[in-house]
Amino acid sequence: MHILALLLLTFSLSGSRIAPPLRTPTASAPTTAPSHPNGKWYLAENGHAVYCYGPVVLVKQPEGTLQHVATYCKGAKIMVPLRD
């Protein structure tokens, strides 16, 4: 009777359950950010960094001055005014 009680107690404890075998990590290449093909980082007029694919051009402003503008930039804007 004593052995039966000990056996039931052993199986009822949560720590006595057999754990599944540990999985070994698979060898995989480290993940890195994708490279940016054919583009360049610029400093926008508002102080933010922008990544653009097109050339920098001069655009005439309504006041008659010229403004450097980066073209074909990532995000919602096609042209971004640059800080000189």
Protein backbone atom coordinates (compact mmCIF):
# COMPACT_ATOMS: atom_id res chain seq x y z
CA MET A 1 0.00 0.00 0.00
CA HIS A 2 2.86 2.33 0.81
CA ILE A 3 4.41 1.68 -2.63
CA LEU A 4 1.11 2.37 -4.39
CA ALA A 5 0.72 5.72 -2.62
CA LEU A 6 4.30 6.64 -3.49
CA LEU A 7 3.73 5.68 -7.14
CA LEU A 8 0.53 7.78 -7.38
CA LEU A 9 2.28 10.72 -5.72
CA THR A 10 5.17 10.47 -8.16
CA PHE A 11 2.92 10.55 -11.23
CA SER A 12 0.72 13.34 -9.89
CA LEU A 13 3.57 15.81 -9.43
CA SER A 14 4.04 18.13 -12.40
CA GLY A 15 7.84 18.08 -12.13
CA SER A 16 8.05 14.34 -12.61
CA ARG A 17 6.76 14.34 -16.17
CA ILE A 18 9.20 13.49 -18.90
CA ALA A 19 10.24 16.57 -20.83
CA PRO A 20 10.51 16.44 -24.62
CA PRO A 21 14.07 16.37 -25.94
CA LEU A 22 15.69 19.72 -26.60
CA ARG A 23 15.91 20.82 -30.22
CA THR A 24 19.28 21.83 -31.51
CA PRO A 25 19.45 25.20 -33.29
CA THR A 26 19.66 25.00 -37.04
CA ALA A 27 22.59 26.63 -38.76
CA SER A 28 21.30 29.56 -40.77
CA ALA A 29 22.83 32.67 -42.25
CA PRO A 30 22.61 35.75 -40.04
CA THR A 31 19.85 38.10 -41.09
CA THR A 32 20.96 41.52 -42.21
CA ALA A 33 19.13 44.48 -43.63
CA PRO A 34 18.90 44.46 -47.41
CA SER A 35 21.37 46.70 -49.15
CA HIS A 36 20.25 49.87 -50.88
CA PRO A 37 21.04 49.61 -54.58
CA ASN A 38 22.04 52.74 -56.50
CA GLY A 39 20.91 55.30 -53.96
CA LYS A 40 22.33 57.84 -51.57
CA TRP A 41 21.45 59.34 -48.19
CA TYR A 42 20.78 63.09 -48.05
CA LEU A 43 19.96 65.58 -45.29
CA ALA A 44 16.56 67.13 -45.92
CA GLU A 45 15.73 70.75 -45.18
CA ASN A 46 13.70 69.68 -42.13
CA GLY A 47 16.73 67.85 -40.65
CA HIS A 48 15.67 64.29 -41.47
CA ALA A 49 17.78 61.84 -43.43
CA VAL A 50 16.22 60.72 -46.72
CA TYR A 51 17.25 57.97 -49.14
CA CYS A 52 16.93 58.97 -52.80
CA TYR A 53 17.61 57.17 -56.06
CA GLY A 54 17.53 60.08 -58.51
CA PRO A 55 19.84 63.00 -59.14
CA VAL A 56 19.99 66.25 -57.20
CA VAL A 57 18.61 69.09 -59.28
CA LEU A 58 18.20 72.86 -58.89
CA VAL A 59 14.58 74.04 -58.87
CA LYS A 60 13.62 77.70 -59.28
CA GLN A 61 11.57 79.00 -56.36
CA PRO A 62 8.74 81.58 -56.70
CA GLU A 63 11.02 84.22 -55.10
CA GLY A 64 13.53 83.72 -57.91
CA THR A 65 16.05 81.75 -55.84
CA LEU A 66 17.33 78.25 -56.60
CA GLN A 67 16.75 75.27 -54.28
CA HIS A 68 18.65 71.95 -54.29
CA VAL A 69 16.13 69.10 -54.48
CA ALA A 70 16.73 65.34 -54.30
CA THR A 71 14.51 63.33 -56.64
CA TYR A 72 12.91 59.88 -56.52
CA CYS A 73 13.09 59.48 -52.75
CA LYS A 74 11.77 56.63 -50.62
CA GLY A 75 8.45 57.35 -48.97
CA ALA A 76 5.53 59.50 -50.03
CA LYS A 77 7.50 62.40 -51.50
CA ILE A 78 9.01 62.35 -54.98
CA MET A 79 11.10 65.50 -54.45
CA VAL A 80 12.66 66.53 -51.15
CA PRO A 81 14.25 69.97 -50.55
CA LEU A 82 17.82 69.60 -49.25
CA ARG A 83 19.68 71.52 -46.59
CA ASP A 84 22.59 73.42 -48.10
